[in-house]
Amino acid sequence: MINCTCEMESFCDTFYELIIDINNAHKEISTEFHLEKKDDLINLKRKQINHVTHINEENTFSVDSLFLQLISNYREELLLYSAYTDLENKYKELILRLRTKETTSIVNKLKYYLVGKKEEGKIPINKCLNDLLGFRIHPTFFDHNKNCFQKTCQQLKQIYNNRIDFMDSSKGNYKAFHIYLYGEEWKYFPWEIQIWCLKDRTQNDLSHKDHKQEHKKWAEIYKNSTEIELEMEGV
């Protein structure tokens, strides 16, 4: 950890421990899932959204059945982890919350990346499905430009051989810093950690709702395949 005497010293120490804890959980779950589903996994950095999603002549959106099942199986592991992890209690001073992405939100995001973005699905899968499990923390004070925080991030990047991204994701009224854990294999689904300063929480919630509405707009234009509908219903 970094020796520091600024107002973010305590946060940086706690943040460092949090990333270590989350990465350990990511490694454990991803390794077990890799062993269980080895023959079904794909390179999520090499494969693109347009390789596993399609729009047919009737404007029906579909996802490759094996990939859809893979996501469903992985969500089950994440839901189990979310139910039993003690991280929310351990890091309650950061008001930590975690959630497993809903199937409907996953489908809407895949659809948006295929038809709503200029790349038309020519984007690595792990740049789209990078938040199947998401964490959010709310420090009372945060400044990603502080030297101690930058050094903490660099130290973590060295520990994890650059398989972790740190980025200022602020845009318009949305003020946030995002972290993505990719793990040791590109076949692992990434996890996301968001840092929202407590004072930005209300405005960020509104920005998130607007962002989701953009995804829903495309969901209304392109109907889902029967297989997707059954998956969303939990059948």
C-alpha atoms as a PDB file:
ATOM      1  CA  MET A   1       0.000   0.000   0.000  1.00  0.00           C
ATOM      2  CA  ILE A   2       0.986   3.654  -0.424  1.00  0.00           C
ATOM      3  CA  ASN A   3       2.210   5.845   2.423  1.00  0.00           C
ATOM      4  CA  CYS A   4       0.267   9.092   2.291  1.00  0.00           C
ATOM      5  CA  THR A   5      -0.864  11.902   4.581  1.00  0.00           C
ATOM      6  CA  CYS A   6      -3.555  13.556   2.420  1.00  0.00           C
ATOM      7  CA  GLU A   7      -7.318  13.447   3.046  1.00  0.00           C
ATOM      8  CA  MET A   8      -7.586  10.307   0.897  1.00  0.00           C
ATOM      9  CA  GLU A   9      -5.088   8.238   2.866  1.00  0.00           C
ATOM     10  CA  SER A  10      -7.723   6.167   4.658  1.00  0.00           C
ATOM     11  CA  PHE A  11      -9.757   5.695   1.470  1.00  0.00           C
ATOM     12  CA  CYS A  12      -6.747   4.531  -0.557  1.00  0.00           C
ATOM     13  CA  ASP A  13      -5.850   1.928   2.073  1.00  0.00           C
ATOM     14  CA  THR A  14      -9.416   0.613   2.196  1.00  0.00           C
ATOM     15  CA  PHE A  15      -9.777   0.757  -1.595  1.00  0.00           C
ATOM     16  CA  TYR A  16      -6.609  -1.307  -2.019  1.00  0.00           C
ATOM     17  CA  GLU A  17      -7.939  -4.001   0.328  1.00  0.00           C
ATOM     18  CA  LEU A  18     -11.329  -3.957  -1.420  1.00  0.00           C
ATOM     19  CA  ILE A  19      -9.817  -4.548  -4.860  1.00  0.00           C
ATOM     20  CA  ILE A  20      -7.735  -7.421  -3.478  1.00  0.00           C
ATOM     21  CA  ASP A  21     -10.851  -8.989  -1.920  1.00  0.00           C
ATOM     22  CA  ILE A  22     -12.966  -8.603  -5.062  1.00  0.00           C
ATOM     23  CA  ASN A  23     -10.201  -9.893  -7.305  1.00  0.00           C
ATOM     24  CA  ASN A  24      -9.757 -12.970  -5.094  1.00  0.00           C
ATOM     25  CA  ALA A  25     -13.481 -13.706  -5.397  1.00  0.00           C
ATOM     26  CA  HIS A  26     -13.375 -13.100  -9.158  1.00  0.00           C
ATOM     27  CA  LYS A  27     -10.458 -15.482  -9.521  1.00  0.00           C
ATOM     28  CA  GLU A  28     -12.106 -18.213  -7.448  1.00  0.00           C
ATOM     29  CA  ILE A  29     -15.474 -18.059  -9.223  1.00  0.00           C
ATOM     30  CA  SER A  30     -13.950 -17.668 -12.696  1.00  0.00           C
ATOM     31  CA  THR A  31     -11.515 -20.547 -12.200  1.00  0.00           C
ATOM     32  CA  GLU A  32     -14.257 -22.892 -11.005  1.00  0.00           C
ATOM     33  CA  PHE A  33     -16.537 -21.842 -13.858  1.00  0.00           C
ATOM     34  CA  HIS A  34     -13.683 -22.326 -16.333  1.00  0.00           C
ATOM     35  CA  LEU A  35     -13.116 -25.876 -15.111  1.00  0.00           C
ATOM     36  CA  GLU A  36     -16.827 -26.673 -15.247  1.00  0.00           C
ATOM     37  CA  LYS A  37     -17.561 -25.107 -18.663  1.00  0.00           C
ATOM     38  CA  LYS A  38     -14.152 -25.390 -20.304  1.00  0.00           C
ATOM     39  CA  ASP A  39     -15.446 -26.674 -23.649  1.00  0.00           C
ATOM     40  CA  ASP A  40     -18.094 -23.933 -23.922  1.00  0.00           C
ATOM     41  CA  LEU A  41     -15.975 -20.880 -23.090  1.00  0.00           C
ATOM     42  CA  ILE A  42     -14.755 -18.424 -25.725  1.00  0.00           C
ATOM     43  CA  ASN A  43     -12.108 -15.713 -25.846  1.00  0.00           C
ATOM     44  CA  LEU A  44     -14.158 -12.670 -24.821  1.00  0.00           C
ATOM     45  CA  LYS A  45     -11.492 -10.246 -26.002  1.00  0.00           C
ATOM     46  CA  ARG A  46     -11.156 -11.763 -29.477  1.00  0.00           C
ATOM     47  CA  LYS A  47     -14.821 -12.568 -30.098  1.00  0.00           C
ATOM     48  CA  GLN A  48     -17.078  -9.630 -30.932  1.00  0.00           C
ATOM     49  CA  ILE A  49     -20.719  -8.861 -30.217  1.00  0.00           C
ATOM     50  CA  ASN A  50     -21.671  -9.464 -33.861  1.00  0.00           C
ATOM     51  CA  HIS A  51     -20.215 -12.980 -33.624  1.00  0.00           C
ATOM     52  CA  VAL A  52     -22.816 -14.075 -31.060  1.00  0.00           C
ATOM     53  CA  THR A  53     -25.843 -11.858 -31.812  1.00  0.00           C
ATOM     54  CA  HIS A  54     -28.010 -11.501 -34.911  1.00  0.00           C
ATOM     55  CA  ILE A  55     -30.949  -9.598 -36.415  1.00  0.00           C
ATOM     56  CA  ASN A  56     -33.004 -11.527 -38.975  1.00  0.00           C
ATOM     57  CA  GLU A  57     -35.191 -10.241 -41.813  1.00  0.00           C
ATOM     58  CA  GLU A  58     -38.181  -9.939 -39.466  1.00  0.00           C
ATOM     59  CA  ASN A  59     -36.169  -7.634 -37.161  1.00  0.00           C
ATOM     60  CA  THR A  60     -35.982 -10.360 -34.535  1.00  0.00           C
ATOM     61  CA  PHE A  61     -32.943 -10.240 -32.271  1.00  0.00           C
ATOM     62  CA  SER A  62     -31.272 -13.494 -31.257  1.00  0.00           C
ATOM     63  CA  VAL A  63     -28.243 -14.625 -29.273  1.00  0.00           C
ATOM     64  CA  ASP A  64     -26.332 -17.814 -30.048  1.00  0.00           C
ATOM     65  CA  SER A  65     -27.921 -20.504 -27.895  1.00  0.00           C
ATOM     66  CA  LEU A  66     -24.658 -21.792 -26.389  1.00  0.00           C
ATOM     67  CA  PHE A  67     -23.573 -18.274 -25.451  1.00  0.00           C
ATOM     68  CA  LEU A  68     -26.984 -17.455 -23.988  1.00  0.00           C
ATOM     69  CA  GLN A  69     -26.813 -20.602 -21.868  1.00  0.00           C
ATOM     70  CA  LEU A  70     -23.279 -19.725 -20.792  1.00  0.00           C
ATOM     71  CA  ILE A  71     -24.438 -16.332 -19.530  1.00  0.00           C
ATOM     72  CA  SER A  72     -27.352 -17.951 -17.712  1.00  0.00           C
ATOM     73  CA  ASN A  73     -25.075 -20.460 -15.970  1.00  0.00           C
ATOM     74  CA  TYR A  74     -22.614 -17.737 -14.981  1.00  0.00           C
ATOM     75  CA  ARG A  75     -25.412 -15.573 -13.562  1.00  0.00           C
ATOM     76  CA  GLU A  76     -26.402 -18.470 -11.316  1.00  0.00           C
ATOM     77  CA  GLU A  77     -22.880 -18.501  -9.874  1.00  0.00           C
ATOM     78  CA  LEU A  78     -22.960 -14.742  -9.367  1.00  0.00           C
ATOM     79  CA  LEU A  79     -26.340 -14.821  -7.642  1.00  0.00           C
ATOM     80  CA  LEU A  80     -25.069 -17.474  -5.262  1.00  0.00           C
ATOM     81  CA  TYR A  81     -21.952 -15.430  -4.489  1.00  0.00           C
ATOM     82  CA  SER A  82     -23.999 -12.244  -3.984  1.00  0.00           C
ATOM     83  CA  ALA A  83     -26.243 -14.012  -1.493  1.00  0.00           C
ATOM     84  CA  TYR A  84     -23.396 -15.160   0.733  1.00  0.00           C
ATOM     85  CA  THR A  85     -20.591 -12.609   0.439  1.00  0.00           C
ATOM     86  CA  ASP A  86     -19.920 -10.398   3.467  1.00  0.00           C
ATOM     87  CA  LEU A  87     -18.292  -7.548   1.535  1.00  0.00           C
ATOM     88  CA  GLU A  88     -21.191  -5.140   2.067  1.00  0.00           C
ATOM     89  CA  ASN A  89     -20.749  -5.481   5.817  1.00  0.00           C
ATOM     90  CA  LYS A  90     -16.945  -5.458   5.717  1.00  0.00           C
ATOM     91  CA  TYR A  91     -16.879  -2.227   3.700  1.00  0.00           C
ATOM     92  CA  LYS A  92     -19.997  -0.596   5.094  1.00  0.00           C
ATOM     93  CA  GLU A  93     -18.105   2.680   5.657  1.00  0.00           C
ATOM     94  CA  LEU A  94     -17.925   2.937   1.855  1.00  0.00           C
ATOM     95  CA  ILE A  95     -21.660   2.143   1.534  1.00  0.00           C
ATOM     96  CA  LEU A  96     -20.732  -0.765  -0.730  1.00  0.00           C
ATOM     97  CA  ARG A  97     -23.485  -2.350  -2.805  1.00  0.00           C
ATOM     98  CA  LEU A  98     -23.312  -5.149  -5.366  1.00  0.00           C
ATOM     99  CA  ARG A  99     -25.733  -6.512  -7.921  1.00  0.00           C
ATOM    100  CA  THR A 100     -25.918  -9.228 -10.558  1.00  0.00           C
ATOM    101  CA  LYS A 101     -27.063  -7.832 -13.895  1.00  0.00           C
ATOM    102  CA  GLU A 102     -30.589  -8.905 -14.820  1.00  0.00           C
ATOM    103  CA  THR A 103     -31.091 -11.012 -17.938  1.00  0.00           C
ATOM    104  CA  THR A 104     -33.320  -8.337 -19.502  1.00  0.00           C
ATOM    105  CA  SER A 105     -30.597  -5.717 -19.015  1.00  0.00           C
ATOM    106  CA  ILE A 106     -27.983  -8.048 -20.510  1.00  0.00           C
ATOM    107  CA  VAL A 107     -30.107  -8.678 -23.609  1.00  0.00           C
ATOM    108  CA  ASN A 108     -30.892  -4.966 -24.007  1.00  0.00           C
ATOM    109  CA  LYS A 109     -27.217  -4.074 -23.743  1.00  0.00           C
ATOM    110  CA  LEU A 110     -26.190  -6.685 -26.332  1.00  0.00           C
ATOM    111  CA  LYS A 111     -28.910  -5.387 -28.647  1.00  0.00           C
ATOM    112  CA  TYR A 112     -27.784  -1.780 -28.173  1.00  0.00           C
ATOM    113  CA  TYR A 113     -24.170  -2.682 -28.956  1.00  0.00           C
ATOM    114  CA  LEU A 114     -25.276  -4.490 -32.125  1.00  0.00           C
ATOM    115  CA  VAL A 115     -27.694  -1.930 -33.588  1.00  0.00           C
ATOM    116  CA  GLY A 116     -27.442   1.242 -31.484  1.00  0.00           C
ATOM    117  CA  LYS A 117     -23.722   1.979 -31.661  1.00  0.00           C
ATOM    118  CA  LYS A 118     -21.797   3.040 -34.760  1.00  0.00           C
ATOM    119  CA  GLU A 119     -19.499  -0.010 -34.509  1.00  0.00           C
ATOM    120  CA  GLU A 120     -22.516  -2.262 -35.273  1.00  0.00           C
ATOM    121  CA  GLY A 121     -21.373  -5.018 -32.958  1.00  0.00           C
ATOM    122  CA  LYS A 122     -17.711  -4.946 -33.965  1.00  0.00           C
ATOM    123  CA  ILE A 123     -16.697  -4.582 -30.333  1.00  0.00           C
ATOM    124  CA  PRO A 124     -15.057  -7.231 -28.106  1.00  0.00           C
ATOM    125  CA  ILE A 125     -17.602  -9.015 -25.940  1.00  0.00           C
ATOM    126  CA  ASN A 126     -15.654  -8.185 -22.772  1.00  0.00           C
ATOM    127  CA  LYS A 127     -16.046  -4.460 -23.510  1.00  0.00           C
ATOM    128  CA  CYS A 128     -19.824  -4.874 -23.505  1.00  0.00           C
ATOM    129  CA  LEU A 129     -20.478  -7.587 -20.910  1.00  0.00           C
ATOM    130  CA  ASN A 130     -18.038  -6.067 -18.430  1.00  0.00           C
ATOM    131  CA  ASP A 131     -20.509  -5.654 -15.581  1.00  0.00           C
ATOM    132  CA  LEU A 132     -22.386  -8.930 -15.109  1.00  0.00           C
ATOM    133  CA  LEU A 133     -21.374  -8.447 -11.488  1.00  0.00           C
ATOM    134  CA  GLY A 134     -21.073  -4.842 -10.414  1.00  0.00           C
ATOM    135  CA  PHE A 135     -19.941  -3.184  -7.197  1.00  0.00           C
ATOM    136  CA  ARG A 136     -20.487   0.436  -6.221  1.00  0.00           C
ATOM    137  CA  ILE A 137     -18.916   2.412  -3.393  1.00  0.00           C
ATOM    138  CA  HIS A 138     -19.769   5.908  -2.117  1.00  0.00           C
ATOM    139  CA  PRO A 139     -16.875   7.656  -0.336  1.00  0.00           C
ATOM    140  CA  THR A 140     -17.618  11.019   1.264  1.00  0.00           C
ATOM    141  CA  PHE A 141     -14.578  12.473  -0.504  1.00  0.00           C
ATOM    142  CA  PHE A 142     -12.918  11.270  -3.704  1.00  0.00           C
ATOM    143  CA  ASP A 143     -10.529  12.750  -6.255  1.00  0.00           C
ATOM    144  CA  HIS A 144      -9.010  10.348  -8.772  1.00  0.00           C
ATOM    145  CA  ASN A 145      -6.292  12.892  -9.584  1.00  0.00           C
ATOM    146  CA  LYS A 146      -4.775  12.664  -6.109  1.00  0.00           C
ATOM    147  CA  ASN A 147      -1.232  11.323  -6.276  1.00  0.00           C
ATOM    148  CA  CYS A 148      -1.825   8.632  -3.646  1.00  0.00           C
ATOM    149  CA  PHE A 149      -4.805   7.230  -5.568  1.00  0.00           C
ATOM    150  CA  GLN A 150      -2.877   7.207  -8.848  1.00  0.00           C
ATOM    151  CA  LYS A 151      -0.022   5.349  -7.161  1.00  0.00           C
ATOM    152  CA  THR A 152      -2.449   2.855  -5.615  1.00  0.00           C
ATOM    153  CA  CYS A 153      -3.907   2.141  -9.067  1.00  0.00           C
ATOM    154  CA  GLN A 154      -0.442   1.675 -10.573  1.00  0.00           C
ATOM    155  CA  GLN A 155       0.510  -0.710  -7.797  1.00  0.00           C
ATOM    156  CA  LEU A 156      -2.624  -2.782  -8.411  1.00  0.00           C
ATOM    157  CA  LYS A 157      -1.956  -2.842 -12.164  1.00  0.00           C
ATOM    158  CA  GLN A 158       1.503  -4.259 -11.460  1.00  0.00           C
ATOM    159  CA  ILE A 159       0.102  -6.909  -9.124  1.00  0.00           C
ATOM    160  CA  TYR A 160      -2.436  -8.059 -11.718  1.00  0.00           C
ATOM    161  CA  ASN A 161      -0.211  -7.735 -14.797  1.00  0.00           C
ATOM    162  CA  ASN A 162      -2.356  -4.953 -16.262  1.00  0.00           C
ATOM    163  CA  ARG A 163      -5.457  -7.190 -16.300  1.00  0.00           C
ATOM    164  CA  ILE A 164      -7.280  -4.368 -14.518  1.00  0.00           C
ATOM    165  CA  ASP A 165      -8.454  -1.043 -15.971  1.00  0.00           C
ATOM    166  CA  PHE A 166      -8.944   2.231 -14.117  1.00  0.00           C
ATOM    167  CA  MET A 167     -10.815   5.030 -15.874  1.00  0.00           C
ATOM    168  CA  ASP A 168     -12.537   8.321 -15.239  1.00  0.00           C
ATOM    169  CA  SER A 169     -15.984   7.587 -16.685  1.00  0.00           C
ATOM    170  CA  SER A 170     -17.485  11.004 -15.962  1.00  0.00           C
ATOM    171  CA  LYS A 171     -19.642  12.334 -18.786  1.00  0.00           C
ATOM    172  CA  GLY A 172     -22.061  15.251 -18.605  1.00  0.00           C
ATOM    173  CA  ASN A 173     -23.865  15.114 -15.265  1.00  0.00           C
ATOM    174  CA  TYR A 174     -22.547  11.623 -14.536  1.00  0.00           C
ATOM    175  CA  LYS A 175     -19.523  11.769 -12.215  1.00  0.00           C
ATOM    176  CA  ALA A 176     -17.851   8.418 -11.603  1.00  0.00           C
ATOM    177  CA  PHE A 177     -14.652   6.415 -11.730  1.00  0.00           C
ATOM    178  CA  HIS A 178     -14.815   2.825 -13.007  1.00  0.00           C
ATOM    179  CA  ILE A 179     -12.557  -0.177 -12.451  1.00  0.00           C
ATOM    180  CA  TYR A 180     -12.695  -3.391 -14.497  1.00  0.00           C
ATOM    181  CA  LEU A 181     -11.206  -6.708 -13.403  1.00  0.00           C
ATOM    182  CA  TYR A 182     -10.439  -9.055 -16.307  1.00  0.00           C
ATOM    183  CA  GLY A 183      -8.678 -11.897 -14.525  1.00  0.00           C
ATOM    184  CA  GLU A 184      -5.950 -14.238 -15.696  1.00  0.00           C
ATOM    185  CA  GLU A 185      -7.811 -15.536 -18.766  1.00  0.00           C
ATOM    186  CA  TRP A 186      -9.602 -13.660 -21.544  1.00  0.00           C
ATOM    187  CA  LYS A 187     -12.278 -16.343 -21.214  1.00  0.00           C
ATOM    188  CA  TYR A 188     -13.264 -14.877 -17.841  1.00  0.00           C
ATOM    189  CA  PHE A 189     -16.191 -12.435 -17.676  1.00  0.00           C
ATOM    190  CA  PRO A 190     -15.000  -9.083 -16.247  1.00  0.00           C
ATOM    191  CA  TRP A 191     -16.376  -7.513 -13.075  1.00  0.00           C
ATOM    192  CA  GLU A 192     -16.952  -3.802 -12.558  1.00  0.00           C
ATOM    193  CA  ILE A 193     -16.418  -1.505  -9.572  1.00  0.00           C
ATOM    194  CA  GLN A 194     -17.849   2.019  -9.664  1.00  0.00           C
ATOM    195  CA  ILE A 195     -16.795   4.864  -7.385  1.00  0.00           C
ATOM    196  CA  TRP A 196     -19.507   7.472  -6.866  1.00  0.00           C
ATOM    197  CA  CYS A 197     -18.755  10.291  -4.460  1.00  0.00           C
ATOM    198  CA  LEU A 198     -21.646  10.487  -2.010  1.00  0.00           C
ATOM    199  CA  LYS A 199     -22.594  14.009  -3.124  1.00  0.00           C
ATOM    200  CA  ASP A 200     -23.018  12.811  -6.748  1.00  0.00           C
ATOM    201  CA  ARG A 201     -25.262   9.866  -5.920  1.00  0.00           C
ATOM    202  CA  THR A 202     -28.647  11.440  -6.722  1.00  0.00           C
ATOM    203  CA  GLN A 203     -27.555  12.959 -10.033  1.00  0.00           C
ATOM    204  CA  ASN A 204     -25.789   9.759 -11.073  1.00  0.00           C
ATOM    205  CA  ASP A 205     -28.942   7.741 -10.405  1.00  0.00           C
ATOM    206  CA  LEU A 206     -30.823  10.032 -12.802  1.00  0.00           C
ATOM    207  CA  SER A 207     -28.081   9.708 -15.426  1.00  0.00           C
ATOM    208  CA  HIS A 208     -28.206   5.914 -15.104  1.00  0.00           C
ATOM    209  CA  LYS A 209     -31.951   5.919 -15.747  1.00  0.00           C
ATOM    210  CA  ASP A 210     -31.430   7.961 -18.924  1.00  0.00           C
ATOM    211  CA  HIS A 211     -28.730   5.520 -20.046  1.00  0.00           C
ATOM    212  CA  LYS A 212     -31.043   2.548 -19.517  1.00  0.00           C
ATOM    213  CA  GLN A 213     -33.775   4.275 -21.509  1.00  0.00           C
ATOM    214  CA  GLU A 214     -31.420   4.419 -24.494  1.00  0.00           C
ATOM    215  CA  HIS A 215     -31.018   0.636 -24.301  1.00  0.00           C
ATOM    216  CA  LYS A 216     -34.784   0.143 -23.936  1.00  0.00           C
ATOM    217  CA  LYS A 217     -35.446   2.223 -27.054  1.00  0.00           C
ATOM    218  CA  TRP A 218     -33.715  -0.351 -29.230  1.00  0.00           C
ATOM    219  CA  ALA A 219     -35.345  -3.173 -27.296  1.00  0.00           C
ATOM    220  CA  GLU A 220     -38.731  -1.879 -28.427  1.00  0.00           C
ATOM    221  CA  ILE A 221     -37.680  -1.733 -32.092  1.00  0.00           C
ATOM    222  CA  TYR A 222     -36.220  -5.231 -32.316  1.00  0.00           C
ATOM    223  CA  LYS A 223     -38.236  -7.991 -30.684  1.00  0.00           C
ATOM    224  CA  ASN A 224     -36.485 -10.910 -29.014  1.00  0.00           C
ATOM    225  CA  SER A 225     -36.323 -14.470 -30.249  1.00  0.00           C
ATOM    226  CA  THR A 226     -38.479 -17.063 -28.489  1.00  0.00           C
ATOM    227  CA  GLU A 227     -35.362 -18.529 -26.880  1.00  0.00           C
ATOM    228  CA  ILE A 228     -34.447 -15.181 -25.329  1.00  0.00           C
ATOM    229  CA  GLU A 229     -37.995 -14.623 -24.091  1.00  0.00           C
ATOM    230  CA  LEU A 230     -37.986 -18.008 -22.382  1.00  0.00           C
ATOM    231  CA  GLU A 231     -34.623 -17.242 -20.768  1.00  0.00           C
ATOM    232  CA  MET A 232     -35.894 -13.884 -19.500  1.00  0.00           C
ATOM    233  CA  GLU A 233     -38.906 -15.624 -17.985  1.00  0.00           C
ATOM    234  CA  GLY A 234     -36.634 -18.115 -16.271  1.00  0.00           C
ATOM    235  CA  VAL A 235     -37.992 -21.084 -18.225  1.00  0.00           C
END
